[in-house]
Amino acid sequence: MQPTTITVNGRVVDPGMMPAQSLERAVIISIFAWRRAEPDDRLPGSEKNGWWGDTWPDIENDRIGSRFWLLTRDTITPKTLARAKEYVEEALQWLVYVLVADSITVSVQRQGIDTIVISTVITKPDKTTTDIRMVTAWTGLS
């Protein structure tokens, strides 16, 4: 299995080490931590997963992570890519709510037959941007 390659503003970040910058670290955790499945989600197994602490959030409906893991047994189709994009946008929306970001642009693309590339561009309140790109994110699910 090929490890996920992560680049931040064009420089490679070791996937075994979290970047020192808190924004990049928060994005990676938000996308790859398993958020609890919603009641109507189709599960790849029998567990809804997620962090138990989300059962009693301080802020209503506040949850950690993404539902990207729900795609574990799916094949890469346009529908799968649309769901992946939706899950990543949902996972990162909290950055806008807490005013860390003005906006977040997510693109999810198929590369070859077994790779999904996730690209996020985060525009901060000072109008600077951070570009985080995760290659082989799909392989990391398997």
N, C-alpha and C. Protein backbone atom coordinates (compact mmCIF):
# COMPACT_ATOMS: atom_id res chain seq x y z
N MET A 1 0.84 -1.18 0.00
CA MET A 1 0.00 0.00 0.00
C MET A 1 0.88 1.24 0.00
N GLN A 2 0.56 2.16 -0.88
CA GLN A 2 1.31 3.40 -1.00
C GLN A 2 0.78 4.41 0.03
N PRO A 3 1.67 5.04 0.81
CA PRO A 3 1.19 6.02 1.80
C PRO A 3 0.63 7.27 1.12
N THR A 4 -0.23 7.96 1.83
CA THR A 4 -0.78 9.21 1.33
C THR A 4 0.32 10.25 1.24
N THR A 5 0.40 10.93 0.09
CA THR A 5 1.35 12.02 -0.08
C THR A 5 0.60 13.31 0.17
N ILE A 6 1.12 14.14 1.05
CA ILE A 6 0.49 15.40 1.38
C ILE A 6 1.45 16.53 1.04
N THR A 7 0.94 17.53 0.31
CA THR A 7 1.75 18.72 0.05
C THR A 7 1.01 19.92 0.62
N VAL A 8 1.77 20.83 1.17
CA VAL A 8 1.24 22.08 1.69
C VAL A 8 1.97 23.20 0.97
N ASN A 9 1.21 23.98 0.21
CA ASN A 9 1.79 25.05 -0.60
C ASN A 9 2.96 24.54 -1.44
N GLY A 10 2.79 23.35 -2.00
CA GLY A 10 3.77 22.78 -2.91
C GLY A 10 4.91 22.01 -2.27
N ARG A 11 5.03 22.00 -0.95
CA ARG A 11 6.12 21.23 -0.33
C ARG A 11 5.55 19.97 0.32
N VAL A 12 6.28 18.88 0.19
CA VAL A 12 5.83 17.59 0.69
C VAL A 12 5.94 17.55 2.21
N VAL A 13 4.89 17.02 2.84
CA VAL A 13 4.85 16.84 4.28
C VAL A 13 4.88 15.34 4.54
N ASP A 14 5.73 14.89 5.44
CA ASP A 14 5.81 13.48 5.78
C ASP A 14 4.48 13.04 6.38
N PRO A 15 3.77 12.06 5.75
CA PRO A 15 2.47 11.66 6.27
C PRO A 15 2.53 11.01 7.66
N GLY A 16 3.73 10.59 8.07
CA GLY A 16 3.88 10.02 9.40
C GLY A 16 4.04 11.07 10.48
N MET A 17 4.26 12.30 10.07
CA MET A 17 4.45 13.41 11.01
C MET A 17 3.43 14.50 10.69
N MET A 18 2.82 15.03 11.69
CA MET A 18 1.90 16.14 11.47
C MET A 18 2.71 17.41 11.24
N PRO A 19 2.26 18.26 10.32
CA PRO A 19 2.98 19.52 10.12
C PRO A 19 2.92 20.39 11.38
N ALA A 20 3.93 21.21 11.54
CA ALA A 20 4.01 22.06 12.73
C ALA A 20 2.92 23.14 12.74
N GLN A 21 2.49 23.59 11.56
CA GLN A 21 1.50 24.64 11.47
C GLN A 21 0.13 24.09 11.88
N SER A 22 -0.53 24.79 12.77
CA SER A 22 -1.79 24.29 13.31
C SER A 22 -2.90 24.20 12.27
N LEU A 23 -2.95 25.09 11.30
CA LEU A 23 -3.99 25.02 10.27
C LEU A 23 -3.87 23.74 9.45
N GLU A 24 -2.68 23.45 8.97
CA GLU A 24 -2.48 22.24 8.18
C GLU A 24 -2.80 20.99 9.00
N ARG A 25 -2.37 20.98 10.23
CA ARG A 25 -2.65 19.84 11.12
C ARG A 25 -4.16 19.68 11.33
N ALA A 26 -4.85 20.79 11.53
CA ALA A 26 -6.31 20.74 11.73
C ALA A 26 -7.02 20.20 10.49
N VAL A 27 -6.56 20.58 9.31
CA VAL A 27 -7.18 20.11 8.07
C VAL A 27 -6.99 18.60 7.92
N ILE A 28 -5.78 18.13 8.16
CA ILE A 28 -5.50 16.69 8.03
C ILE A 28 -6.32 15.88 9.03
N ILE A 29 -6.38 16.33 10.26
CA ILE A 29 -7.18 15.63 11.27
C ILE A 29 -8.66 15.67 10.90
N SER A 30 -9.13 16.81 10.44
CA SER A 30 -10.54 16.95 10.09
C SER A 30 -10.94 16.02 8.95
N ILE A 31 -10.07 15.79 8.01
CA ILE A 31 -10.40 14.93 6.87
C ILE A 31 -10.23 13.46 7.20
N PHE A 32 -9.18 13.11 7.94
CA PHE A 32 -8.88 11.69 8.12
C PHE A 32 -9.33 11.08 9.45
N ALA A 33 -9.82 11.88 10.38
CA ALA A 33 -10.45 11.31 11.58
C ALA A 33 -11.85 10.86 11.19
N TRP A 34 -12.29 9.75 11.70
CA TRP A 34 -13.58 9.18 11.30
C TRP A 34 -14.72 9.81 12.08
N ARG A 35 -15.52 10.60 11.40
CA ARG A 35 -16.72 11.19 11.99
C ARG A 35 -17.81 10.13 12.04
N ARG A 36 -18.64 10.19 13.05
CA ARG A 36 -19.74 9.23 13.19
C ARG A 36 -20.69 9.34 12.00
N ALA A 37 -21.13 8.20 11.51
CA ALA A 37 -22.07 8.16 10.39
C ALA A 37 -23.41 8.74 10.81
N GLU A 38 -24.09 9.34 9.86
CA GLU A 38 -25.44 9.86 10.08
C GLU A 38 -26.42 8.68 10.05
N PRO A 39 -27.61 8.83 10.65
CA PRO A 39 -28.57 7.73 10.70
C PRO A 39 -28.94 7.15 9.33
N ASP A 40 -28.94 7.98 8.27
CA ASP A 40 -29.33 7.48 6.95
C ASP A 40 -28.15 7.12 6.05
N ASP A 41 -26.92 7.13 6.57
CA ASP A 41 -25.75 6.76 5.77
C ASP A 41 -25.73 5.25 5.53
N ARG A 42 -25.26 4.88 4.33
CA ARG A 42 -25.05 3.48 3.99
C ARG A 42 -23.66 3.10 4.54
N LEU A 43 -23.64 2.15 5.45
CA LEU A 43 -22.39 1.78 6.11
C LEU A 43 -21.64 0.70 5.33
N PRO A 44 -20.29 0.78 5.30
CA PRO A 44 -19.51 -0.27 4.65
C PRO A 44 -19.40 -1.54 5.51
N GLY A 45 -19.83 -1.45 6.74
CA GLY A 45 -19.82 -2.58 7.68
C GLY A 45 -21.00 -2.41 8.62
N SER A 46 -20.81 -2.77 9.87
CA SER A 46 -21.92 -2.66 10.82
C SER A 46 -21.74 -1.53 11.84
N GLU A 47 -20.57 -0.90 11.86
CA GLU A 47 -20.29 0.14 12.86
C GLU A 47 -20.48 1.54 12.29
N LYS A 48 -20.98 2.45 13.14
CA LYS A 48 -21.14 3.86 12.74
C LYS A 48 -19.87 4.66 13.01
N ASN A 49 -18.93 4.06 13.75
CA ASN A 49 -17.64 4.68 14.07
C ASN A 49 -17.79 6.07 14.67
N GLY A 50 -16.73 6.85 14.62
CA GLY A 50 -16.76 8.19 15.18
C GLY A 50 -16.26 8.25 16.61
N TRP A 51 -16.09 9.47 17.08
CA TRP A 51 -15.58 9.71 18.42
C TRP A 51 -16.74 9.77 19.39
N TRP A 52 -16.64 9.05 20.50
CA TRP A 52 -17.73 8.98 21.48
C TRP A 52 -18.07 10.35 22.05
N GLY A 53 -17.09 11.25 22.13
CA GLY A 53 -17.32 12.58 22.68
C GLY A 53 -18.30 13.41 21.86
N ASP A 54 -18.48 13.07 20.60
CA ASP A 54 -19.44 13.80 19.76
C ASP A 54 -20.88 13.52 20.18
N THR A 55 -21.09 12.54 21.04
CA THR A 55 -22.44 12.25 21.55
C THR A 55 -22.96 13.42 22.38
N TRP A 56 -22.08 14.11 23.08
CA TRP A 56 -22.45 15.23 23.94
C TRP A 56 -21.61 16.47 23.61
N PRO A 57 -21.79 17.06 22.42
CA PRO A 57 -20.97 18.22 22.05
C PRO A 57 -21.34 19.47 22.84
N ASP A 58 -20.35 20.35 23.05
CA ASP A 58 -20.60 21.64 23.69
C ASP A 58 -21.47 22.52 22.79
N ILE A 59 -21.26 22.40 21.49
CA ILE A 59 -22.04 23.15 20.50
C ILE A 59 -22.88 22.13 19.73
N GLU A 60 -24.17 22.39 19.63
CA GLU A 60 -25.08 21.45 18.98
C GLU A 60 -24.60 21.08 17.56
N ASN A 61 -24.62 19.79 17.27
CA ASN A 61 -24.22 19.22 15.97
C ASN A 61 -22.73 19.38 15.66
N ASP A 62 -21.91 19.77 16.62
CA ASP A 62 -20.47 19.89 16.41
C ASP A 62 -19.87 18.49 16.44
N ARG A 63 -19.18 18.13 15.37
CA ARG A 63 -18.58 16.79 15.29
C ARG A 63 -17.18 16.89 14.74
N ILE A 64 -16.35 15.94 15.14
CA ILE A 64 -14.95 15.91 14.70
C ILE A 64 -14.80 14.90 13.57
N GLY A 65 -14.00 15.24 12.57
CA GLY A 65 -13.67 14.30 11.51
C GLY A 65 -14.56 14.41 10.29
N SER A 66 -14.39 13.41 9.40
CA SER A 66 -15.17 13.38 8.17
C SER A 66 -15.78 12.00 7.98
N ARG A 67 -16.76 11.96 7.10
CA ARG A 67 -17.40 10.69 6.75
C ARG A 67 -16.75 10.07 5.52
N PHE A 68 -15.57 10.53 5.15
CA PHE A 68 -14.83 10.01 4.01
C PHE A 68 -14.65 8.49 4.11
N TRP A 69 -14.52 7.98 5.32
CA TRP A 69 -14.34 6.55 5.56
C TRP A 69 -15.52 5.72 5.05
N LEU A 70 -16.69 6.33 4.90
CA LEU A 70 -17.87 5.60 4.42
C LEU A 70 -17.68 5.10 2.99
N LEU A 71 -16.71 5.64 2.28
CA LEU A 71 -16.47 5.26 0.88
C LEU A 71 -15.56 4.05 0.75
N THR A 72 -15.19 3.45 1.86
CA THR A 72 -14.21 2.36 1.88
C THR A 72 -14.46 1.28 0.84
N ARG A 73 -15.69 0.85 0.69
CA ARG A 73 -15.98 -0.27 -0.23
C ARG A 73 -16.54 0.18 -1.57
N ASP A 74 -16.57 1.47 -1.82
CA ASP A 74 -17.10 1.97 -3.09
C ASP A 74 -16.03 1.94 -4.17
N THR A 75 -16.48 1.87 -5.42
CA THR A 75 -15.56 2.05 -6.54
C THR A 75 -15.54 3.54 -6.87
N ILE A 76 -14.49 3.98 -7.54
CA ILE A 76 -14.36 5.40 -7.84
C ILE A 76 -15.19 5.71 -9.09
N THR A 77 -16.32 6.33 -8.85
CA THR A 77 -17.23 6.76 -9.91
C THR A 77 -17.48 8.26 -9.72
N PRO A 78 -18.12 8.91 -10.68
CA PRO A 78 -18.46 10.33 -10.46
C PRO A 78 -19.31 10.53 -9.20
N LYS A 79 -20.19 9.61 -8.89
CA LYS A 79 -21.01 9.71 -7.68
C LYS A 79 -20.14 9.61 -6.42
N THR A 80 -19.17 8.72 -6.44
CA THR A 80 -18.25 8.57 -5.31
C THR A 80 -17.43 9.85 -5.13
N LEU A 81 -16.97 10.43 -6.22
CA LEU A 81 -16.20 11.67 -6.14
C LEU A 81 -17.05 12.80 -5.57
N ALA A 82 -18.32 12.86 -5.97
CA ALA A 82 -19.21 13.90 -5.44
C ALA A 82 -19.42 13.73 -3.94
N ARG A 83 -19.58 12.48 -3.50
CA ARG A 83 -19.73 12.23 -2.06
C ARG A 83 -18.45 12.57 -1.31
N ALA A 84 -17.30 12.21 -1.88
CA ALA A 84 -16.01 12.52 -1.24
C ALA A 84 -15.86 14.03 -1.07
N LYS A 85 -16.20 14.79 -2.09
CA LYS A 85 -16.12 16.25 -2.02
C LYS A 85 -17.06 16.78 -0.93
N GLU A 86 -18.27 16.26 -0.90
CA GLU A 86 -19.24 16.68 0.12
C GLU A 86 -18.71 16.39 1.52
N TYR A 87 -18.12 15.21 1.73
CA TYR A 87 -17.62 14.84 3.04
C TYR A 87 -16.45 15.72 3.47
N VAL A 88 -15.56 16.06 2.53
CA VAL A 88 -14.42 16.91 2.87
C VAL A 88 -14.90 18.33 3.18
N GLU A 89 -15.82 18.86 2.37
CA GLU A 89 -16.35 20.20 2.64
C GLU A 89 -17.03 20.25 4.01
N GLU A 90 -17.80 19.23 4.32
CA GLU A 90 -18.48 19.15 5.61
C GLU A 90 -17.47 19.12 6.76
N ALA A 91 -16.40 18.36 6.59
CA ALA A 91 -15.39 18.22 7.64
C ALA A 91 -14.63 19.52 7.91
N LEU A 92 -14.50 20.36 6.89
CA LEU A 92 -13.72 21.58 7.03
C LEU A 92 -14.56 22.83 7.31
N GLN A 93 -15.86 22.71 7.26
CA GLN A 93 -16.74 23.86 7.42
C GLN A 93 -16.53 24.57 8.76
N TRP A 94 -16.14 23.84 9.77
CA TRP A 94 -15.94 24.45 11.09
C TRP A 94 -14.88 25.56 11.04
N LEU A 95 -13.92 25.48 10.11
CA LEU A 95 -12.89 26.51 10.00
C LEU A 95 -13.49 27.88 9.66
N VAL A 96 -14.58 27.86 8.88
CA VAL A 96 -15.27 29.11 8.54
C VAL A 96 -16.09 29.58 9.74
N TYR A 97 -16.76 28.64 10.41
CA TYR A 97 -17.59 29.00 11.57
C TYR A 97 -16.79 29.68 12.67
N VAL A 98 -15.55 29.21 12.89
CA VAL A 98 -14.74 29.79 13.97
C VAL A 98 -13.82 30.91 13.47
N LEU A 99 -14.03 31.34 12.22
CA LEU A 99 -13.34 32.48 11.61
C LEU A 99 -11.84 32.26 11.40
N VAL A 100 -11.42 31.01 11.28
CA VAL A 100 -10.04 30.72 10.91
C VAL A 100 -9.87 30.92 9.41
N ALA A 101 -10.96 30.67 8.66
CA ALA A 101 -10.94 30.82 7.21
C ALA A 101 -12.13 31.65 6.76
N ASP A 102 -11.90 32.42 5.69
CA ASP A 102 -13.02 33.13 5.05
C ASP A 102 -13.77 32.18 4.13
N SER A 103 -13.01 31.33 3.43
CA SER A 103 -13.64 30.38 2.52
C SER A 103 -12.73 29.18 2.32
N ILE A 104 -13.35 28.10 1.86
CA ILE A 104 -12.61 26.86 1.59
C ILE A 104 -13.10 26.33 0.25
N THR A 105 -12.17 26.05 -0.64
CA THR A 105 -12.49 25.47 -1.93
C THR A 105 -11.92 24.06 -1.95
N VAL A 106 -12.79 23.10 -2.26
CA VAL A 106 -12.38 21.69 -2.28
C VAL A 106 -12.57 21.15 -3.69
N SER A 107 -11.59 20.43 -4.18
CA SER A 107 -11.76 19.67 -5.41
C SER A 107 -11.29 18.25 -5.16
N VAL A 108 -12.01 17.33 -5.74
CA VAL A 108 -11.69 15.91 -5.59
C VAL A 108 -11.65 15.33 -6.99
N GLN A 109 -10.52 14.70 -7.34
CA GLN A 109 -10.35 14.19 -8.69
C GLN A 109 -9.84 12.76 -8.67
N ARG A 110 -10.29 12.01 -9.66
CA ARG A 110 -9.78 10.66 -9.86
C ARG A 110 -8.47 10.77 -10.63
N GLN A 111 -7.51 9.96 -10.22
CA GLN A 111 -6.23 9.88 -10.91
C GLN A 111 -5.95 8.41 -11.16
N GLY A 112 -5.96 7.98 -12.39
CA GLY A 112 -5.79 6.57 -12.68
C GLY A 112 -7.01 5.77 -12.27
N ILE A 113 -6.80 4.48 -12.01
CA ILE A 113 -7.95 3.63 -11.67
C ILE A 113 -8.18 3.47 -10.17
N ASP A 114 -7.17 3.83 -9.36
CA ASP A 114 -7.32 3.57 -7.93
C ASP A 114 -6.85 4.71 -7.03
N THR A 115 -6.91 5.94 -7.53
CA THR A 115 -6.42 7.06 -6.75
C THR A 115 -7.42 8.22 -6.77
N ILE A 116 -7.64 8.79 -5.60
CA ILE A 116 -8.40 10.03 -5.48
C ILE A 116 -7.45 11.08 -4.92
N VAL A 117 -7.46 12.24 -5.52
CA VAL A 117 -6.64 13.37 -5.07
C VAL A 117 -7.58 14.41 -4.48
N ILE A 118 -7.31 14.81 -3.24
CA ILE A 118 -8.10 15.84 -2.57
C ILE A 118 -7.26 17.12 -2.54
N SER A 119 -7.82 18.20 -3.07
CA SER A 119 -7.14 19.50 -3.02
C SER A 119 -8.02 20.49 -2.28
N THR A 120 -7.43 21.20 -1.35
CA THR A 120 -8.17 22.23 -0.61
C THR A 120 -7.38 23.52 -0.68
N VAL A 121 -8.09 24.60 -0.91
CA VAL A 121 -7.48 25.93 -0.85
C VAL A 121 -8.25 26.69 0.22
N ILE A 122 -7.54 27.08 1.25
CA ILE A 122 -8.15 27.78 2.37
C ILE A 122 -7.74 29.24 2.29
N THR A 123 -8.74 30.11 2.18
CA THR A 123 -8.50 31.55 2.17
C THR A 123 -8.73 32.06 3.58
N LYS A 124 -7.67 32.63 4.15
CA LYS A 124 -7.72 33.12 5.53
C LYS A 124 -8.28 34.54 5.58
N PRO A 125 -8.65 35.01 6.76
CA PRO A 125 -9.20 36.37 6.88
C PRO A 125 -8.27 37.46 6.33
N ASP A 126 -6.95 37.23 6.36
CA ASP A 126 -6.02 38.23 5.81
C ASP A 126 -5.83 38.08 4.30
N LYS A 127 -6.65 37.20 3.69
CA LYS A 127 -6.69 36.94 2.23
C LYS A 127 -5.51 36.12 1.72
N THR A 128 -4.61 35.66 2.59
CA THR A 128 -3.59 34.72 2.16
C THR A 128 -4.25 33.35 2.02
N THR A 129 -3.61 32.48 1.25
CA THR A 129 -4.19 31.15 1.04
C THR A 129 -3.19 30.07 1.43
N THR A 130 -3.76 28.95 1.79
CA THR A 130 -2.98 27.74 2.05
C THR A 130 -3.57 26.66 1.17
N ASP A 131 -2.70 26.03 0.38
CA ASP A 131 -3.11 24.99 -0.56
C ASP A 131 -2.62 23.65 -0.02
N ILE A 132 -3.56 22.78 0.32
CA ILE A 132 -3.21 21.46 0.85
C ILE A 132 -3.73 20.41 -0.13
N ARG A 133 -2.83 19.56 -0.59
CA ARG A 133 -3.16 18.55 -1.59
C ARG A 133 -2.78 17.18 -1.05
N MET A 134 -3.74 16.27 -1.10
CA MET A 134 -3.51 14.91 -0.61
C MET A 134 -3.66 13.92 -1.76
N VAL A 135 -2.56 13.30 -2.15
CA VAL A 135 -2.56 12.34 -3.23
C VAL A 135 -2.58 10.94 -2.61
N THR A 136 -3.25 10.06 -3.26
CA THR A 136 -3.46 8.67 -2.82
C THR A 136 -4.27 8.58 -1.53
N ALA A 137 -5.12 9.58 -1.29
CA ALA A 137 -5.99 9.55 -0.11
C ALA A 137 -6.86 8.31 -0.15
N TRP A 138 -7.30 7.93 -1.32
CA TRP A 138 -8.17 6.76 -1.49
C TRP A 138 -7.46 5.48 -1.05
N THR A 139 -6.21 5.35 -1.44
CA THR A 139 -5.43 4.16 -1.08
C THR A 139 -5.33 4.02 0.42
N GLY A 140 -5.26 5.13 1.12
CA GLY A 140 -5.18 5.11 2.58
C GLY A 140 -6.43 4.55 3.23
N LEU A 141 -7.56 4.58 2.53
CA LEU A 141 -8.80 4.02 3.08
C LEU A 141 -8.79 2.51 3.10
N SER A 142 -8.13 1.92 2.12
CA SER A 142 -8.19 0.45 1.95
C SER A 142 -7.40 -0.29 2.99
